[in-house]
PDB file of N, CA and C in Angstrom:
ATOM      1  N   MET A   1      25.103 -12.683   5.468  1.00  0.00           N
ATOM      2  CA  MET A   1      23.895 -12.639   4.670  1.00  0.00           C
ATOM      3  C   MET A   1      23.459 -11.194   4.503  1.00  0.00           C
ATOM      4  N   VAL A   2      23.278 -10.761   3.297  1.00  0.00           N
ATOM      5  CA  VAL A   2      22.729  -9.442   3.009  1.00  0.00           C
ATOM      6  C   VAL A   2      21.218  -9.554   3.162  1.00  0.00           C
ATOM      7  N   THR A   3      20.629  -8.639   3.880  1.00  0.00           N
ATOM      8  CA  THR A   3      19.194  -8.755   4.123  1.00  0.00           C
ATOM      9  C   THR A   3      18.456  -7.469   3.818  1.00  0.00           C
ATOM     10  N   THR A   4      17.137  -7.589   3.807  1.00  0.00           N
ATOM     11  CA  THR A   4      16.298  -6.432   3.558  1.00  0.00           C
ATOM     12  C   THR A   4      16.015  -5.660   4.837  1.00  0.00           C
ATOM     13  N   VAL A   5      16.453  -6.181   5.974  1.00  0.00           N
ATOM     14  CA  VAL A   5      16.319  -5.463   7.239  1.00  0.00           C
ATOM     15  C   VAL A   5      17.605  -4.665   7.440  1.00  0.00           C
ATOM     16  N   SER A   6      17.470  -3.482   8.012  1.00  0.00           N
ATOM     17  CA  SER A   6      18.627  -2.607   8.171  1.00  0.00           C
ATOM     18  C   SER A   6      18.869  -2.291   9.644  1.00  0.00           C
ATOM     19  N   ASP A   7      19.922  -1.527   9.875  1.00  0.00           N
ATOM     20  CA  ASP A   7      20.225  -1.022  11.211  1.00  0.00           C
ATOM     21  C   ASP A   7      19.030  -0.225  11.731  1.00  0.00           C
ATOM     22  N   GLN A   8      18.489   0.640  10.884  1.00  0.00           N
ATOM     23  CA  GLN A   8      17.368   1.488  11.296  1.00  0.00           C
ATOM     24  C   GLN A   8      16.128   0.664  11.634  1.00  0.00           C
ATOM     25  N   ILE A   9      15.787  -0.302  10.801  1.00  0.00           N
ATOM     26  CA  ILE A   9      14.585  -1.105  11.040  1.00  0.00           C
ATOM     27  C   ILE A   9      14.736  -1.941  12.312  1.00  0.00           C
ATOM     28  N   SER A  10      15.891  -2.598  12.478  1.00  0.00           N
ATOM     29  CA  SER A  10      16.071  -3.418  13.675  1.00  0.00           C
ATOM     30  C   SER A  10      16.123  -2.546  14.931  1.00  0.00           C
ATOM     31  N   SER A  11      16.656  -1.332  14.828  1.00  0.00           N
ATOM     32  CA  SER A  11      16.657  -0.392  15.960  1.00  0.00           C
ATOM     33  C   SER A  11      15.236   0.002  16.334  1.00  0.00           C
ATOM     34  N   MET A  12      14.410   0.217  15.325  1.00  0.00           N
ATOM     35  CA  MET A  12      13.012   0.582  15.586  1.00  0.00           C
ATOM     36  C   MET A  12      12.266  -0.543  16.289  1.00  0.00           C
ATOM     37  N   ILE A  13      12.582  -1.783  15.970  1.00  0.00           N
ATOM     38  CA  ILE A  13      11.942  -2.918  16.645  1.00  0.00           C
ATOM     39  C   ILE A  13      12.359  -2.935  18.109  1.00  0.00           C
ATOM     40  N   ILE A  14      13.637  -2.791  18.374  1.00  0.00           N
ATOM     41  CA  ILE A  14      14.123  -2.815  19.761  1.00  0.00           C
ATOM     42  C   ILE A  14      13.587  -1.628  20.556  1.00  0.00           C
ATOM     43  N   ASN A  15      13.457  -0.463  19.914  1.00  0.00           N
ATOM     44  CA  ASN A  15      12.962   0.730  20.609  1.00  0.00           C
ATOM     45  C   ASN A  15      11.444   0.765  20.745  1.00  0.00           C
ATOM     46  N   GLY A  16      10.742  -0.241  20.206  1.00  0.00           N
ATOM     47  CA  GLY A  16       9.288  -0.304  20.333  1.00  0.00           C
ATOM     48  C   GLY A  16       8.535   0.544  19.328  1.00  0.00           C
ATOM     49  N   GLU A  17       9.212   1.061  18.316  1.00  0.00           N
ATOM     50  CA  GLU A  17       8.559   1.882  17.300  1.00  0.00           C
ATOM     51  C   GLU A  17       7.988   1.044  16.166  1.00  0.00           C
ATOM     52  N   MET A  18       8.371  -0.223  16.113  1.00  0.00           N
ATOM     53  CA  MET A  18       7.937  -1.130  15.052  1.00  0.00           C
ATOM     54  C   MET A  18       7.746  -2.509  15.674  1.00  0.00           C
ATOM     55  N   GLN A  19       6.749  -3.257  15.231  1.00  0.00           N
ATOM     56  CA  GLN A  19       6.458  -4.553  15.831  1.00  0.00           C
ATOM     57  C   GLN A  19       7.266  -5.706  15.243  1.00  0.00           C
ATOM     58  N   ALA A  20       7.490  -5.697  13.926  1.00  0.00           N
ATOM     59  CA  ALA A  20       8.186  -6.827  13.302  1.00  0.00           C
ATOM     60  C   ALA A  20       8.640  -6.476  11.889  1.00  0.00           C
ATOM     61  N   ALA A  21       9.560  -7.292  11.402  1.00  0.00           N
ATOM     62  CA  ALA A  21      10.036  -7.176  10.017  1.00  0.00           C
ATOM     63  C   ALA A  21      10.538  -8.543   9.585  1.00  0.00           C
ATOM     64  N   VAL A  22      10.568  -8.770   8.274  1.00  0.00           N
ATOM     65  CA  VAL A  22      11.074 -10.033   7.744  1.00  0.00           C
ATOM     66  C   VAL A  22      12.409  -9.768   7.064  1.00  0.00           C
ATOM     67  N   ALA A  23      13.427 -10.491   7.490  1.00  0.00           N
ATOM     68  CA  ALA A  23      14.752 -10.383   6.882  1.00  0.00           C
ATOM     69  C   ALA A  23      14.858 -11.443   5.791  1.00  0.00           C
ATOM     70  N   GLN A  24      15.229 -11.022   4.600  1.00  0.00           N
ATOM     71  CA  GLN A  24      15.411 -11.937   3.476  1.00  0.00           C
ATOM     72  C   GLN A  24      16.779 -11.717   2.859  1.00  0.00           C
ATOM     73  N   ASP A  25      17.145 -12.559   1.934  1.00  0.00           N
ATOM     74  CA  ASP A  25      18.440 -12.489   1.263  1.00  0.00           C
ATOM     75  C   ASP A  25      18.225 -12.193  -0.222  1.00  0.00           C
ATOM     76  N   PRO A  26      18.051 -10.907  -0.598  1.00  0.00           N
ATOM     77  CA  PRO A  26      17.775 -10.594  -1.996  1.00  0.00           C
ATOM     78  C   PRO A  26      18.934 -10.949  -2.926  1.00  0.00           C
ATOM     79  N   TYR A  27      20.164 -10.835  -2.461  1.00  0.00           N
ATOM     80  CA  TYR A  27      21.312 -11.193  -3.301  1.00  0.00           C
ATOM     81  C   TYR A  27      21.297 -12.683  -3.622  1.00  0.00           C
ATOM     82  N   GLY A  28      21.073 -13.501  -2.614  1.00  0.00           N
ATOM     83  CA  GLY A  28      21.001 -14.946  -2.826  1.00  0.00           C
ATOM     84  C   GLY A  28      19.842 -15.338  -3.722  1.00  0.00           C
ATOM     85  N   GLN A  29      18.694 -14.690  -3.541  1.00  0.00           N
ATOM     86  CA  GLN A  29      17.536 -14.976  -4.380  1.00  0.00           C
ATOM     87  C   GLN A  29      17.829 -14.627  -5.833  1.00  0.00           C
ATOM     88  N   GLY A  30      18.451 -13.476  -6.055  1.00  0.00           N
ATOM     89  CA  GLY A  30      18.777 -13.058  -7.417  1.00  0.00           C
ATOM     90  C   GLY A  30      19.813 -13.967  -8.067  1.00  0.00           C
ATOM     91  N   THR A  31      20.800 -14.397  -7.268  1.00  0.00           N
ATOM     92  CA  THR A  31      21.830 -15.296  -7.783  1.00  0.00           C
ATOM     93  C   THR A  31      21.221 -16.613  -8.246  1.00  0.00           C
ATOM     94  N   LEU A  32      20.337 -17.178  -7.437  1.00  0.00           N
ATOM     95  CA  LEU A  32      19.682 -18.439  -7.822  1.00  0.00           C
ATOM     96  C   LEU A  32      18.828 -18.264  -9.074  1.00  0.00           C
ATOM     97  N   ALA A  33      18.104 -17.158  -9.142  1.00  0.00           N
ATOM     98  CA  ALA A  33      17.249 -16.913 -10.310  1.00  0.00           C
ATOM     99  C   ALA A  33      18.085 -16.762 -11.581  1.00  0.00           C
ATOM    100  N   MET A  34      19.162 -16.009 -11.497  1.00  0.00           N
ATOM    101  CA  MET A  34      20.004 -15.807 -12.682  1.00  0.00           C
ATOM    102  C   MET A  34      20.728 -17.092 -13.081  1.00  0.00           C
ATOM    103  N   THR A  35      21.133 -17.893 -12.114  1.00  0.00           N
ATOM    104  CA  THR A  35      21.776 -19.173 -12.424  1.00  0.00           C
ATOM    105  C   THR A  35      20.813 -20.067 -13.187  1.00  0.00           C
ATOM    106  N   ASP A  36      19.562 -20.143 -12.714  1.00  0.00           N
ATOM    107  CA  ASP A  36      18.556 -20.941 -13.420  1.00  0.00           C
ATOM    108  C   ASP A  36      18.310 -20.402 -14.827  1.00  0.00           C
ATOM    109  N   LEU A  37      18.253 -19.077 -14.958  1.00  0.00           N
ATOM    110  CA  LEU A  37      18.009 -18.467 -16.272  1.00  0.00           C
ATOM    111  C   LEU A  37      19.143 -18.788 -17.246  1.00  0.00           C
ATOM    112  N   VAL A  38      20.376 -18.588 -16.806  1.00  0.00           N
ATOM    113  CA  VAL A  38      21.527 -18.856 -17.677  1.00  0.00           C
ATOM    114  C   VAL A  38      21.570 -20.330 -18.062  1.00  0.00           C
ATOM    115  N   ASN A  39      21.368 -21.225 -17.098  1.00  0.00           N
ATOM    116  CA  ASN A  39      21.362 -22.664 -17.409  1.00  0.00           C
ATOM    117  C   ASN A  39      20.253 -23.011 -18.397  1.00  0.00           C
ATOM    118  N   TYR A  40      19.078 -22.426 -18.210  1.00  0.00           N
ATOM    119  CA  TYR A  40      17.958 -22.681 -19.105  1.00  0.00           C
ATOM    120  C   TYR A  40      18.292 -22.221 -20.529  1.00  0.00           C
ATOM    121  N   LEU A  41      18.856 -21.033 -20.648  1.00  0.00           N
ATOM    122  CA  LEU A  41      19.203 -20.505 -21.969  1.00  0.00           C
ATOM    123  C   LEU A  41      20.298 -21.324 -22.639  1.00  0.00           C
ATOM    124  N   MET A  42      21.113 -21.994 -21.837  1.00  0.00           N
ATOM    125  CA  MET A  42      22.173 -22.841 -22.384  1.00  0.00           C
ATOM    126  C   MET A  42      21.692 -24.275 -22.613  1.00  0.00           C
ATOM    127  N   GLY A  43      20.381 -24.495 -22.398  1.00  0.00           N
ATOM    128  CA  GLY A  43      19.814 -25.824 -22.614  1.00  0.00           C
ATOM    129  C   GLY A  43      20.073 -26.798 -21.482  1.00  0.00           C
ATOM    130  N   LYS A  44      20.393 -26.292 -20.313  1.00  0.00           N
ATOM    131  CA  LYS A  44      20.662 -27.133 -19.144  1.00  0.00           C
ATOM    132  C   LYS A  44      19.739 -26.728 -18.003  1.00  0.00           C
ATOM    133  N   PRO A  45      18.444 -26.978 -18.157  1.00  0.00           N
ATOM    134  CA  PRO A  45      17.527 -26.539 -17.100  1.00  0.00           C
ATOM    135  C   PRO A  45      17.821 -27.223 -15.774  1.00  0.00           C
ATOM    136  N   GLY A  46      17.800 -26.434 -14.733  1.00  0.00           N
ATOM    137  CA  GLY A  46      18.024 -26.947 -13.381  1.00  0.00           C
ATOM    138  C   GLY A  46      16.750 -27.522 -12.799  1.00  0.00           C
ATOM    139  N   ALA A  47      16.881 -28.074 -11.641  1.00  0.00           N
ATOM    140  CA  ALA A  47      15.749 -28.728 -10.980  1.00  0.00           C
ATOM    141  C   ALA A  47      14.642 -27.749 -10.600  1.00  0.00           C
ATOM    142  N   SER A  48      14.973 -26.473 -10.417  1.00  0.00           N
ATOM    143  CA  SER A  48      13.961 -25.516  -9.966  1.00  0.00           C
ATOM    144  C   SER A  48      13.293 -24.746 -11.103  1.00  0.00           C
ATOM    145  N   VAL A  49      13.738 -24.927 -12.351  1.00  0.00           N
ATOM    146  CA  VAL A  49      13.141 -24.195 -13.479  1.00  0.00           C
ATOM    147  C   VAL A  49      11.676 -24.601 -13.638  1.00  0.00           C
ATOM    148  N   GLY A  50      10.809 -23.610 -13.674  1.00  0.00           N
ATOM    149  CA  GLY A  50       9.385 -23.853 -13.844  1.00  0.00           C
ATOM    150  C   GLY A  50       8.667 -24.255 -12.568  1.00  0.00           C
ATOM    151  N   LYS A  51       9.368 -24.247 -11.450  1.00  0.00           N
ATOM    152  CA  LYS A  51       8.758 -24.627 -10.168  1.00  0.00           C
ATOM    153  C   LYS A  51       8.771 -23.444  -9.220  1.00  0.00           C
ATOM    154  N   LEU A  52       7.862 -23.459  -8.285  1.00  0.00           N
ATOM    155  CA  LEU A  52       7.798 -22.426  -7.260  1.00  0.00           C
ATOM    156  C   LEU A  52       8.910 -22.665  -6.249  1.00  0.00           C
ATOM    157  N   THR A  53       9.705 -21.653  -6.010  1.00  0.00           N
ATOM    158  CA  THR A  53      10.755 -21.744  -4.997  1.00  0.00           C
ATOM    159  C   THR A  53      10.404 -20.798  -3.864  1.00  0.00           C
ATOM    160  N   ILE A  54      10.319 -21.322  -2.670  1.00  0.00           N
ATOM    161  CA  ILE A  54      10.004 -20.508  -1.502  1.00  0.00           C
ATOM    162  C   ILE A  54      11.303 -19.917  -0.967  1.00  0.00           C
ATOM    163  N   ALA A  55      11.355 -18.597  -0.905  1.00  0.00           N
ATOM    164  CA  ALA A  55      12.540 -17.921  -0.368  1.00  0.00           C
ATOM    165  C   ALA A  55      12.447 -17.896   1.150  1.00  0.00           C
ATOM    166  N   SER A  56      13.501 -18.335   1.769  1.00  0.00           N
ATOM    167  CA  SER A  56      13.489 -18.351   3.231  1.00  0.00           C
ATOM    168  C   SER A  56      13.587 -16.931   3.768  1.00  0.00           C
ATOM    169  N   GLY A  57      13.078 -16.738   4.934  1.00  0.00           N
ATOM    170  CA  GLY A  57      13.139 -15.445   5.596  1.00  0.00           C
ATOM    171  C   GLY A  57      13.182 -15.652   7.092  1.00  0.00           C
ATOM    172  N   LEU A  58      13.452 -14.611   7.801  1.00  0.00           N
ATOM    173  CA  LEU A  58      13.535 -14.655   9.255  1.00  0.00           C
ATOM    174  C   LEU A  58      12.696 -13.514   9.800  1.00  0.00           C
ATOM    175  N   THR A  59      11.752 -13.810  10.662  1.00  0.00           N
ATOM    176  CA  THR A  59      10.933 -12.767  11.258  1.00  0.00           C
ATOM    177  C   THR A  59      11.621 -12.230  12.494  1.00  0.00           C
ATOM    178  N   LEU A  60      11.857 -10.934  12.515  1.00  0.00           N
ATOM    179  CA  LEU A  60      12.396 -10.257  13.683  1.00  0.00           C
ATOM    180  C   LEU A  60      11.234  -9.548  14.356  1.00  0.00           C
ATOM    181  N   SER A  61      10.992  -9.869  15.630  1.00  0.00           N
ATOM    182  CA  SER A  61       9.797  -9.396  16.307  1.00  0.00           C
ATOM    183  C   SER A  61      10.122  -8.691  17.619  1.00  0.00           C
ATOM    184  N   ALA A  62       9.287  -7.720  17.961  1.00  0.00           N
ATOM    185  CA  ALA A  62       9.415  -7.020  19.240  1.00  0.00           C
ATOM    186  C   ALA A  62       9.126  -7.960  20.406  1.00  0.00           C
ATOM    187  N   ASP A  63       8.520  -9.117  20.130  1.00  0.00           N
ATOM    188  CA  ASP A  63       8.270 -10.107  21.187  1.00  0.00           C
ATOM    189  C   ASP A  63       9.553 -10.787  21.647  1.00  0.00           C
ATOM    190  N   ASP A  64      10.607 -10.728  20.835  1.00  0.00           N
ATOM    191  CA  ASP A  64      11.890 -11.350  21.185  1.00  0.00           C
ATOM    192  C   ASP A  64      13.025 -10.403  20.791  1.00  0.00           C
ATOM    193  N   LYS A  65      13.188  -9.346  21.590  1.00  0.00           N
ATOM    194  CA  LYS A  65      14.184  -8.323  21.281  1.00  0.00           C
ATOM    195  C   LYS A  65      15.609  -8.861  21.403  1.00  0.00           C
ATOM    196  N   ALA A  66      15.813  -9.870  22.245  1.00  0.00           N
ATOM    197  CA  ALA A  66      17.137 -10.487  22.357  1.00  0.00           C
ATOM    198  C   ALA A  66      17.517 -11.139  21.031  1.00  0.00           C
ATOM    199  N   ALA A  67      16.555 -11.754  20.357  1.00  0.00           N
ATOM    200  CA  ALA A  67      16.816 -12.367  19.050  1.00  0.00           C
ATOM    201  C   ALA A  67      17.123 -11.293  18.012  1.00  0.00           C
ATOM    202  N   VAL A  68      16.482 -10.137  18.116  1.00  0.00           N
ATOM    203  CA  VAL A  68      16.769  -9.030  17.203  1.00  0.00           C
ATOM    204  C   VAL A  68      18.212  -8.566  17.414  1.00  0.00           C
ATOM    205  N   ASN A  69      18.625  -8.458  18.678  1.00  0.00           N
ATOM    206  CA  ASN A  69      20.009  -8.082  18.967  1.00  0.00           C
ATOM    207  C   ASN A  69      20.982  -9.141  18.462  1.00  0.00           C
ATOM    208  N   ALA A  70      20.636 -10.409  18.603  1.00  0.00           N
ATOM    209  CA  ALA A  70      21.495 -11.489  18.099  1.00  0.00           C
ATOM    210  C   ALA A  70      21.633 -11.373  16.582  1.00  0.00           C
ATOM    211  N   TRP A  71      20.538 -11.044  15.895  1.00  0.00           N
ATOM    212  CA  TRP A  71      20.586 -10.843  14.448  1.00  0.00           C
ATOM    213  C   TRP A  71      21.491  -9.657  14.115  1.00  0.00           C
ATOM    214  N   ARG A  72      21.373  -8.575  14.899  1.00  0.00           N
ATOM    215  CA  ARG A  72      22.207  -7.389  14.666  1.00  0.00           C
ATOM    216  C   ARG A  72      23.686  -7.749  14.771  1.00  0.00           C
ATOM    217  N   VAL A  73      24.065  -8.460  15.822  1.00  0.00           N
ATOM    218  CA  VAL A  73      25.466  -8.841  16.021  1.00  0.00           C
ATOM    219  C   VAL A  73      25.943  -9.744  14.888  1.00  0.00           C
ATOM    220  N   ALA A  74      25.097 -10.696  14.474  1.00  0.00           N
ATOM    221  CA  ALA A  74      25.460 -11.615  13.386  1.00  0.00           C
ATOM    222  C   ALA A  74      25.630 -10.888  12.053  1.00  0.00           C
ATOM    223  N   ASN A  75      25.033  -9.705  11.938  1.00  0.00           N
ATOM    224  CA  ASN A  75      25.122  -8.924  10.714  1.00  0.00           C
ATOM    225  C   ASN A  75      25.994  -7.679  10.891  1.00  0.00           C
ATOM    226  N   ALA A  76      26.957  -7.774  11.806  1.00  0.00           N
ATOM    227  CA  ALA A  76      27.980  -6.738  12.032  1.00  0.00           C
ATOM    228  C   ALA A  76      27.414  -5.394  12.484  1.00  0.00           C
ATOM    229  N   LEU A  77      26.317  -5.437  13.229  1.00  0.00           N
ATOM    230  CA  LEU A  77      25.751  -4.217  13.800  1.00  0.00           C
ATOM    231  C   LEU A  77      25.930  -4.253  15.322  1.00  0.00           C
ATOM    232  N   LYS A  78      25.915  -3.079  15.925  1.00  0.00           N
ATOM    233  CA  LYS A  78      26.101  -2.954  17.361  1.00  0.00           C
ATOM    234  C   LYS A  78      24.863  -3.446  18.117  1.00  0.00           C
ATOM    235  N   GLU A  79      25.097  -4.188  19.190  1.00  0.00           N
ATOM    236  CA  GLU A  79      23.986  -4.602  20.053  1.00  0.00           C
ATOM    237  C   GLU A  79      23.432  -3.363  20.748  1.00  0.00           C
ATOM    238  N   LEU A  80      22.110  -3.298  20.874  1.00  0.00           N
ATOM    239  CA  LEU A  80      21.449  -2.142  21.479  1.00  0.00           C
ATOM    240  C   LEU A  80      20.861  -2.503  22.836  1.00  0.00           C
ATOM    241  N   PRO A  81      20.760  -1.534  23.729  1.00  0.00           N
ATOM    242  CA  PRO A  81      20.111  -1.809  25.015  1.00  0.00           C
ATOM    243  C   PRO A  81      18.621  -2.088  24.798  1.00  0.00           C
ATOM    244  N   ILE A  82      18.119  -3.091  25.485  1.00  0.00           N
ATOM    245  CA  ILE A  82      16.709  -3.457  25.354  1.00  0.00           C
ATOM    246  C   ILE A  82      15.906  -2.699  26.395  1.00  0.00           C
ATOM    247  N   LYS A  83      14.875  -2.043  25.926  1.00  0.00           N
ATOM    248  CA  LYS A  83      14.007  -1.253  26.814  1.00  0.00           C
ATOM    249  C   LYS A  83      12.833  -2.063  27.265  1.00  0.00           C
TER     250      LYS A  83
END
């Protein structure tokens, strides 16, 4: 999953320089939006056209630094020592 959280942001959370961040999938969000647009223009509106779609996200918090490290590993980043 491509996310809006980076190596630097997740490192700052683990190092105590930042309290939290929300990881989202901008590529997936854009793909869904463009698919709906193309289908609509072709006269094949999808189920989500004209409706509010809630984009899922994941909160990474300094309250659970182990979860931040798990997110880092799942996104091909190095696990960091927890202070």
